[in-house]
Amino acid sequence: MNETAPFRVRAEIDLAALRANVRALRAHAPDAAFMAVVKADGYGHGMVPCARAARQAGATWIGTATPEEALALRAAGLPGRIMCWLWTPGGPWREGVEADLDMSVSALWALEEVTAAARAAGRTARVQLKADTGLGRNGCMPADWPDLVDRVLRAEAEGLVTVTGLWSHFACADEPGHPSIAAQLTVFREMVAYAEDRGLRPEVRHIANSPGMLTLPEAHFDLVRPGIAMYGVSPSPEVGTSQDFGLRPVMTLAASLAHVKRAPAGHGVSYGHHYVTPGETTLGLVPAGYGDGIPRHASGTAPVLVDGKLRTAAGRVAMDQFVVDLGGDEPAVGAEAVLFGPGDRGEPTAEDWAQAAGTIAYEIVTRIGSRVPRVYVNERPED
């Protein structure tokens, strides 16, 4: 970690690891274009630096959920193709047209708004039609697909839009062999074939997210959309660890101990006294809490590496801090407490925290809040 700055808590982001992950992932789908998904502030890692690093490693597309995210990337000077897919009525469609975004359309209302924006801007809008092949979230249902395709063909004929892609999203790609996977692929192929038979000529067809990219080569089509895997977190721990997939976690979350003190046996720790010291011991105060994104559900279970030894969160995680029982050891105030990282030094990983909190590692890294500074290392690509 950064040895010169007296951080309360900090998230070190290793951009060399991210670039290496992009290269490793590209090798899994060498014939497909690569969309680096940086939604939710790059899954908590920082959207703009991660998008730039992914580009440096060969990503040809950048993907975001919201149009605001995509427009922020443009404002930061990110060139090339940027796609966004989570639109609501009244969204910044005209700004998206003028910024040359690829914008997802799942329903007629969205097509109407994007064509109105194209007219107002005097420019052709780039759109991608999303099919609901079985996930049941966004996307056009198969029964409504013919009408949407017909309407978009008319809009293309008027020069208002060009359809750059047809796409969908898996529900259970992280569960290899799940019957929904084959069913979704069948529906996707049918919906793509229908659109192409009617005359649409998309640049890319895509459905593979991180687990789809890693475990379903038949789902690669023209483009893959890795998200969490790009940050070195396994999308399916039951199938393989990050290391199994040739990936390295990008984020290390650490804090400086704010207090170390001796406590007698029977001393209550944190709200509710859910932990009481079993004997005379020392307590260390980690100055980070659920206000920083540390999951409260990890109270009493989360692992932390302090002074080379694994400790456990003692008692409840509070808004700004939690305690670890140091078992009589007395590290210096300011000593590093590593909550999670790649695991090289014996520190826990985000997956360890996910298991402690009863959630998934996606949430662990993404929820780290804005008051935790991101410290970027290895920002320049290797020669």
Protein backbone atom coordinates (compact mmCIF):
# COMPACT_ATOMS: atom_id res chain seq x y z
CA MET A 1 0.00 0.00 0.00
CA ASN A 2 0.96 3.65 -0.19
CA GLU A 3 3.46 4.05 2.64
CA THR A 4 3.61 7.85 2.60
CA ALA A 5 -0.03 8.84 2.99
CA PRO A 6 -1.67 8.47 6.42
CA PHE A 7 -4.92 7.01 5.13
CA ARG A 8 -7.70 6.07 7.51
CA VAL A 9 -8.83 3.51 4.97
CA ARG A 10 -7.93 3.17 1.31
CA ALA A 11 -8.62 0.97 -1.68
CA GLU A 12 -5.52 0.31 -3.74
CA ILE A 13 -6.37 -0.38 -7.38
CA ASP A 14 -3.73 -2.25 -9.34
CA LEU A 15 -4.23 -1.27 -12.96
CA ALA A 16 -1.50 -3.64 -14.11
CA ALA A 17 -3.61 -6.49 -12.70
CA LEU A 18 -6.64 -5.15 -14.54
CA ARG A 19 -4.76 -4.99 -17.83
CA ALA A 20 -3.46 -8.52 -17.28
CA ASN A 21 -7.00 -9.71 -16.58
CA VAL A 22 -8.23 -8.16 -19.81
CA ARG A 23 -5.51 -9.94 -21.75
CA ALA A 24 -6.28 -13.25 -20.01
CA LEU A 25 -9.98 -12.87 -20.71
CA ARG A 26 -9.41 -11.98 -24.34
CA ALA A 27 -7.59 -15.30 -24.72
CA HIS A 28 -10.82 -17.07 -23.72
CA ALA A 29 -12.66 -15.47 -26.65
CA PRO A 30 -10.01 -14.53 -29.20
CA ASP A 31 -12.44 -14.17 -32.09
CA ALA A 32 -14.92 -11.88 -30.34
CA ALA A 33 -14.79 -8.16 -29.72
CA PHE A 34 -14.27 -7.23 -26.06
CA MET A 35 -16.57 -4.91 -24.11
CA ALA A 36 -15.12 -3.82 -20.76
CA VAL A 37 -18.05 -3.23 -18.41
CA VAL A 38 -17.35 -0.37 -16.00
CA LYS A 39 -20.81 0.28 -14.58
CA ALA A 40 -21.27 1.18 -10.90
CA ASP A 41 -18.04 3.19 -10.91
CA GLY A 42 -16.11 0.27 -12.34
CA TYR A 43 -17.60 -2.16 -9.80
CA GLY A 44 -16.24 0.15 -7.11
CA HIS A 45 -12.76 0.38 -8.62
CA GLY A 46 -13.14 3.73 -10.41
CA MET A 47 -14.87 3.94 -13.77
CA VAL A 48 -12.59 6.24 -15.73
CA PRO A 49 -9.16 4.81 -14.75
CA CYS A 50 -10.43 1.27 -15.27
CA ALA A 51 -11.94 2.10 -18.66
CA ARG A 52 -8.66 3.63 -19.77
CA ALA A 53 -6.65 0.65 -18.54
CA ALA A 54 -9.01 -1.77 -20.28
CA ARG A 55 -8.60 0.15 -23.53
CA GLN A 56 -4.83 -0.04 -23.14
CA ALA A 57 -5.12 -3.82 -22.86
CA GLY A 58 -7.21 -4.19 -26.00
CA ALA A 59 -10.84 -3.62 -25.07
CA THR A 60 -12.65 -2.35 -28.15
CA TRP A 61 -15.91 -1.39 -26.43
CA ILE A 62 -16.79 0.08 -23.04
CA GLY A 63 -20.10 -0.78 -21.38
CA THR A 64 -22.09 1.04 -18.71
CA ALA A 65 -25.52 0.58 -17.22
CA THR A 66 -26.78 4.17 -17.17
CA PRO A 67 -26.50 6.86 -19.83
CA GLU A 68 -25.12 9.22 -17.20
CA GLU A 69 -22.18 6.87 -16.70
CA ALA A 70 -21.57 6.70 -20.45
CA LEU A 71 -21.77 10.47 -20.82
CA ALA A 72 -19.31 10.89 -17.93
CA LEU A 73 -16.85 8.68 -19.80
CA ARG A 74 -17.21 10.88 -22.88
CA ALA A 75 -16.73 14.00 -20.75
CA ALA A 76 -13.52 12.44 -19.43
CA GLY A 77 -12.27 12.07 -22.99
CA LEU A 78 -12.85 8.34 -23.53
CA PRO A 79 -12.97 7.75 -27.30
CA GLY A 80 -14.43 4.84 -29.24
CA ARG A 81 -17.52 2.77 -28.76
CA ILE A 82 -19.43 3.14 -25.51
CA MET A 83 -22.70 1.33 -24.91
CA CYS A 84 -25.29 1.94 -22.17
CA TRP A 85 -28.47 0.02 -21.52
CA LEU A 86 -30.48 1.13 -18.49
CA TRP A 87 -32.77 3.88 -19.74
CA THR A 88 -35.91 5.40 -18.26
CA PRO A 89 -38.45 7.68 -19.92
CA GLY A 90 -37.20 11.23 -20.31
CA GLY A 91 -33.57 10.15 -20.22
CA PRO A 92 -30.75 12.07 -21.93
CA TRP A 93 -31.39 10.54 -25.34
CA ARG A 94 -30.36 13.60 -27.33
CA GLU A 95 -27.13 13.89 -25.36
CA GLY A 96 -26.53 10.23 -26.06
CA VAL A 97 -27.07 10.73 -29.79
CA GLU A 98 -24.73 13.71 -29.85
CA ALA A 99 -22.09 11.79 -27.86
CA ASP A 100 -22.20 8.88 -30.34
CA LEU A 101 -23.26 6.37 -27.71
CA ASP A 102 -24.65 2.97 -28.59
CA MET A 103 -28.00 2.99 -26.79
CA SER A 104 -30.06 -0.04 -25.89
CA VAL A 105 -33.72 -0.20 -26.88
CA SER A 106 -36.01 -2.79 -25.29
CA ALA A 107 -39.47 -1.41 -26.05
CA LEU A 108 -41.42 0.86 -28.37
CA TRP A 109 -41.43 3.75 -25.89
CA ALA A 110 -37.63 3.80 -25.97
CA LEU A 111 -37.55 3.66 -29.76
CA GLU A 112 -39.95 6.59 -29.89
CA GLU A 113 -37.76 8.64 -27.53
CA VAL A 114 -34.52 7.89 -29.33
CA THR A 115 -35.98 8.66 -32.76
CA ALA A 116 -37.34 11.97 -31.44
CA ALA A 117 -33.87 12.75 -30.10
CA ALA A 118 -32.30 11.87 -33.44
CA ARG A 119 -34.65 14.25 -35.25
CA ALA A 120 -33.90 17.02 -32.76
CA ALA A 121 -30.15 16.48 -33.06
CA GLY A 122 -30.20 16.08 -36.82
CA ARG A 123 -28.07 12.93 -36.47
CA THR A 124 -28.56 9.21 -36.79
CA ALA A 125 -28.76 7.39 -33.46
CA ARG A 126 -26.89 4.16 -32.86
CA VAL A 127 -29.14 1.63 -31.14
CA GLN A 128 -28.93 -1.96 -30.01
CA LEU A 129 -32.09 -4.03 -29.58
CA LYS A 130 -32.22 -6.06 -26.39
CA ALA A 131 -34.14 -9.32 -26.35
CA ASP A 132 -35.58 -10.87 -23.20
CA THR A 133 -34.60 -14.48 -23.82
CA GLY A 134 -35.52 -15.63 -20.33
CA LEU A 135 -33.93 -13.40 -17.69
CA GLY A 136 -37.18 -11.53 -17.13
CA ARG A 137 -35.68 -8.11 -16.53
CA ASN A 138 -35.14 -5.57 -19.30
CA GLY A 139 -35.45 -6.60 -22.92
CA CYS A 140 -38.20 -7.15 -25.47
CA MET A 141 -40.32 -10.27 -25.03
CA PRO A 142 -40.37 -12.68 -27.99
CA ALA A 143 -44.07 -11.97 -28.59
CA ASP A 144 -43.34 -8.23 -28.96
CA TRP A 145 -40.15 -8.67 -31.01
CA PRO A 146 -41.77 -8.62 -34.50
CA ASP A 147 -43.42 -5.26 -33.81
CA LEU A 148 -40.20 -3.74 -32.42
CA VAL A 149 -38.17 -5.04 -35.37
CA ASP A 150 -40.74 -3.68 -37.83
CA ARG A 151 -40.73 -0.25 -36.20
CA VAL A 152 -36.95 -0.04 -36.06
CA LEU A 153 -36.69 -1.01 -39.72
CA ARG A 154 -38.92 1.95 -40.56
CA ALA A 155 -36.76 4.22 -38.42
CA GLU A 156 -33.66 2.93 -40.21
CA ALA A 157 -35.28 3.64 -43.58
CA GLU A 158 -35.86 7.23 -42.44
CA GLY A 159 -32.22 7.58 -41.44
CA LEU A 160 -33.10 8.13 -37.80
CA VAL A 161 -31.33 5.09 -36.36
CA THR A 162 -28.86 2.44 -37.30
CA VAL A 163 -29.04 -0.88 -35.49
CA THR A 164 -25.52 -1.71 -34.35
CA GLY A 165 -26.31 -4.72 -32.22
CA LEU A 166 -28.74 -7.39 -31.06
CA TRP A 167 -28.19 -8.63 -27.55
CA SER A 168 -29.46 -10.34 -24.44
CA HIS A 169 -28.30 -11.38 -20.96
CA PHE A 170 -28.05 -14.73 -19.18
CA ALA A 171 -29.92 -15.57 -15.99
CA CYS A 172 -27.85 -18.55 -14.81
CA ALA A 173 -24.55 -18.59 -16.70
CA ASP A 174 -22.78 -18.91 -13.35
CA GLU A 175 -24.42 -22.33 -12.94
CA PRO A 176 -23.00 -24.47 -15.78
CA GLY A 177 -25.50 -27.01 -16.98
CA HIS A 178 -28.53 -25.04 -15.81
CA PRO A 179 -31.34 -25.77 -18.30
CA SER A 180 -32.08 -22.07 -18.77
CA ILE A 181 -28.72 -21.57 -20.51
CA ALA A 182 -29.49 -23.76 -23.54
CA ALA A 183 -33.05 -22.44 -23.60
CA GLN A 184 -31.87 -18.81 -23.67
CA LEU A 185 -29.34 -19.52 -26.41
CA THR A 186 -32.07 -21.11 -28.52
CA VAL A 187 -34.40 -18.16 -28.05
CA PHE A 188 -31.59 -15.69 -28.74
CA ARG A 189 -30.65 -17.40 -32.01
CA GLU A 190 -34.29 -17.44 -33.06
CA MET A 191 -34.82 -13.75 -32.28
CA VAL A 192 -31.58 -12.77 -34.04
CA ALA A 193 -32.52 -14.87 -37.08
CA TYR A 194 -35.94 -13.22 -37.23
CA ALA A 195 -34.45 -9.72 -37.13
CA GLU A 196 -31.82 -10.54 -39.75
CA ASP A 197 -34.36 -12.25 -42.01
CA ARG A 198 -36.35 -9.01 -41.95
CA GLY A 199 -33.30 -7.05 -43.04
CA LEU A 200 -31.45 -5.87 -39.92
CA ARG A 201 -27.66 -6.06 -40.26
CA PRO A 202 -26.15 -5.60 -36.80
CA GLU A 203 -22.41 -5.19 -36.28
CA VAL A 204 -22.46 -7.36 -33.17
CA ARG A 205 -24.62 -10.01 -31.53
CA HIS A 206 -23.85 -10.66 -27.87
CA ILE A 207 -25.11 -12.41 -24.77
CA ALA A 208 -22.02 -13.53 -22.81
CA ASN A 209 -21.31 -11.87 -19.47
CA SER A 210 -18.32 -12.90 -17.32
CA PRO A 211 -19.46 -16.46 -16.55
CA GLY A 212 -20.76 -16.92 -20.08
CA MET A 213 -17.45 -15.81 -21.49
CA LEU A 214 -15.45 -18.15 -19.24
CA THR A 215 -17.58 -21.29 -19.46
CA LEU A 216 -19.72 -21.08 -22.62
CA PRO A 217 -17.66 -20.72 -25.81
CA GLU A 218 -20.81 -21.34 -27.85
CA ALA A 219 -22.18 -18.07 -26.42
CA HIS A 220 -19.35 -15.80 -27.55
CA PHE A 221 -20.95 -14.70 -30.84
CA ASP A 222 -19.42 -11.40 -32.04
CA LEU A 223 -18.73 -9.70 -28.70
CA VAL A 224 -18.30 -10.62 -25.03
CA ARG A 225 -19.10 -8.41 -22.04
CA PRO A 226 -16.94 -9.29 -19.02
CA GLY A 227 -17.69 -7.32 -15.90
CA ILE A 228 -16.65 -8.69 -12.51
CA ALA A 229 -14.04 -11.03 -14.01
CA MET A 230 -12.14 -8.06 -15.40
CA TYR A 231 -11.56 -6.95 -11.81
CA GLY A 232 -10.10 -10.35 -10.92
CA VAL A 233 -13.11 -11.67 -9.03
CA SER A 234 -14.48 -15.07 -10.00
CA PRO A 235 -18.08 -14.82 -11.25
CA SER A 236 -18.70 -18.42 -10.19
CA PRO A 237 -16.61 -19.54 -7.19
CA GLU A 238 -18.29 -22.95 -7.32
CA VAL A 239 -16.79 -23.50 -10.78
CA GLY A 240 -13.39 -21.91 -10.26
CA THR A 241 -11.44 -19.37 -8.26
CA SER A 242 -9.90 -16.26 -9.72
CA GLN A 243 -6.60 -18.10 -9.89
CA ASP A 244 -8.24 -21.03 -11.70
CA PHE A 245 -9.35 -18.61 -14.40
CA GLY A 246 -5.95 -16.89 -14.60
CA LEU A 247 -7.22 -13.69 -12.98
CA ARG A 248 -5.85 -11.47 -10.22
CA PRO A 249 -8.00 -9.37 -7.87
CA VAL A 250 -7.46 -5.68 -8.62
CA MET A 251 -8.59 -4.10 -5.33
CA THR A 252 -6.85 -4.26 -1.95
CA LEU A 253 -8.82 -2.68 0.89
CA ALA A 254 -6.81 -1.73 3.97
CA ALA A 255 -6.98 0.59 6.96
CA SER A 256 -4.65 1.94 9.64
CA LEU A 257 -5.44 0.82 13.17
CA ALA A 258 -6.86 3.81 15.03
CA HIS A 259 -6.45 2.43 18.54
CA VAL A 260 -4.90 -0.55 20.33
CA LYS A 261 -5.71 -1.20 23.99
CA ARG A 262 -5.79 -3.88 26.62
CA ALA A 263 -9.15 -5.13 27.84
CA PRO A 264 -10.06 -7.43 30.73
CA ALA A 265 -12.06 -10.64 30.48
CA GLY A 266 -15.79 -10.08 30.20
CA HIS A 267 -15.51 -6.72 28.44
CA GLY A 268 -18.30 -6.03 25.95
CA VAL A 269 -17.32 -4.97 22.45
CA SER A 270 -19.38 -2.70 20.17
CA TYR A 271 -23.14 -2.20 20.02
CA GLY A 272 -25.30 -4.81 21.68
CA HIS A 273 -22.33 -6.58 23.29
CA HIS A 274 -22.69 -9.47 20.86
CA TYR A 275 -19.02 -10.12 21.59
CA VAL A 276 -17.60 -10.26 25.09
CA THR A 277 -13.89 -10.84 25.60
CA PRO A 278 -13.35 -14.42 26.77
CA GLY A 279 -10.21 -13.46 28.65
CA GLU A 280 -7.75 -10.64 29.08
CA THR A 281 -6.79 -9.50 25.59
CA THR A 282 -6.02 -6.58 23.32
CA LEU A 283 -8.47 -4.89 20.99
CA GLY A 284 -7.68 -3.13 17.74
CA LEU A 285 -9.93 -0.48 16.23
CA VAL A 286 -10.32 -0.58 12.44
CA PRO A 287 -11.59 2.87 11.35
CA ALA A 288 -13.99 1.71 8.63
CA GLY A 289 -17.62 0.68 8.83
CA TYR A 290 -20.82 0.30 6.92
CA GLY A 291 -20.66 4.00 6.04
CA ASP A 292 -17.64 3.03 3.95
CA GLY A 293 -19.36 -0.03 2.49
CA ILE A 294 -18.15 -2.59 5.02
CA PRO A 295 -21.07 -5.04 5.28
CA ARG A 296 -22.76 -5.05 8.67
CA HIS A 297 -23.79 -8.65 7.97
CA ALA A 298 -20.11 -9.56 8.37
CA SER A 299 -20.21 -8.62 12.07
CA GLY A 300 -18.48 -11.26 14.13
CA THR A 301 -17.36 -13.28 11.12
CA ALA A 302 -15.28 -11.18 8.71
CA PRO A 303 -11.55 -11.93 8.50
CA VAL A 304 -8.85 -9.22 8.68
CA LEU A 305 -5.06 -9.54 8.42
CA VAL A 306 -3.37 -7.52 11.16
CA ASP A 307 0.36 -7.65 11.80
CA GLY A 308 0.68 -10.82 9.75
CA LYS A 309 -2.09 -12.71 11.56
CA LEU A 310 -5.68 -13.37 10.59
CA ARG A 311 -8.17 -11.86 12.99
CA THR A 312 -11.96 -11.75 13.05
CA ALA A 313 -14.29 -8.79 13.40
CA ALA A 314 -15.35 -8.83 17.05
CA GLY A 315 -18.91 -7.72 17.60
CA ARG A 316 -20.97 -5.50 15.37
CA VAL A 317 -19.63 -3.49 12.47
CA ALA A 318 -20.66 0.11 13.15
CA MET A 319 -21.07 2.99 10.74
CA ASP A 320 -17.46 4.15 10.89
CA GLN A 321 -15.50 1.43 12.68
CA PHE A 322 -15.24 -2.11 13.92
CA VAL A 323 -13.03 -4.00 16.36
CA VAL A 324 -10.78 -7.02 16.08
CA ASP A 325 -9.62 -9.10 19.02
CA LEU A 326 -5.83 -9.19 18.81
CA GLY A 327 -5.45 -11.99 21.34
CA GLY A 328 -2.93 -10.16 23.47
CA ASP A 329 -0.70 -8.98 20.62
CA GLU A 330 0.07 -5.26 20.56
CA PRO A 331 0.75 -3.97 17.06
CA ALA A 332 1.48 -0.27 16.85
CA VAL A 333 -1.30 2.23 16.38
CA GLY A 334 -1.32 2.94 12.66
CA ALA A 335 -0.40 -0.66 11.77
CA GLU A 336 -2.02 -1.92 8.60
CA ALA A 337 -5.21 -3.96 8.75
CA VAL A 338 -5.88 -5.61 5.38
CA LEU A 339 -9.54 -6.42 4.92
CA PHE A 340 -9.17 -8.07 1.53
CA GLY A 341 -6.86 -8.25 -1.45
CA PRO A 342 -5.39 -10.79 -3.90
CA GLY A 343 -4.40 -13.12 -1.07
CA ASP A 344 -0.65 -13.07 -1.79
CA ARG A 345 0.28 -12.17 1.79
CA GLY A 346 -2.25 -14.43 3.43
CA GLU A 347 -4.83 -11.66 3.53
CA PRO A 348 -8.52 -12.47 2.99
CA THR A 349 -10.09 -12.04 -0.44
CA ALA A 350 -13.34 -10.38 -1.41
CA GLU A 351 -14.77 -13.87 -1.74
CA ASP A 352 -13.86 -14.57 1.90
CA TRP A 353 -15.76 -11.45 2.90
CA ALA A 354 -18.69 -12.47 0.71
CA GLN A 355 -18.91 -15.80 2.50
CA ALA A 356 -18.67 -14.07 5.88
CA ALA A 357 -21.50 -11.69 4.95
CA GLY A 358 -23.69 -14.20 3.14
CA THR A 359 -23.48 -12.39 -0.18
CA ILE A 360 -21.43 -12.40 -3.39
CA ALA A 361 -18.04 -10.85 -4.05
CA TYR A 362 -19.62 -8.54 -6.65
CA GLU A 363 -21.36 -6.73 -3.81
CA ILE A 364 -18.30 -6.61 -1.57
CA VAL A 365 -16.17 -4.63 -4.03
CA THR A 366 -18.99 -2.59 -5.57
CA ARG A 367 -20.34 -1.29 -2.27
CA ILE A 368 -17.07 0.32 -1.11
CA GLY A 369 -18.15 3.92 -0.70
CA SER A 370 -16.99 7.23 -2.07
CA ARG A 371 -15.33 8.37 1.17
CA VAL A 372 -12.79 5.58 0.72
CA PRO A 373 -10.04 7.03 -1.47
CA ARG A 374 -8.89 4.98 -4.44
CA VAL A 375 -5.12 4.84 -4.78
CA TYR A 376 -4.09 3.83 -8.30
CA VAL A 377 -0.85 1.97 -8.86
CA ASN A 378 0.80 0.80 -12.08
CA GLU A 379 -1.13 3.35 -14.11
CA ARG A 380 1.30 3.28 -17.03
CA PRO A 381 1.19 0.21 -19.28
CA GLU A 382 4.22 -2.01 -19.23
CA ASP A 383 6.70 -1.50 -22.05
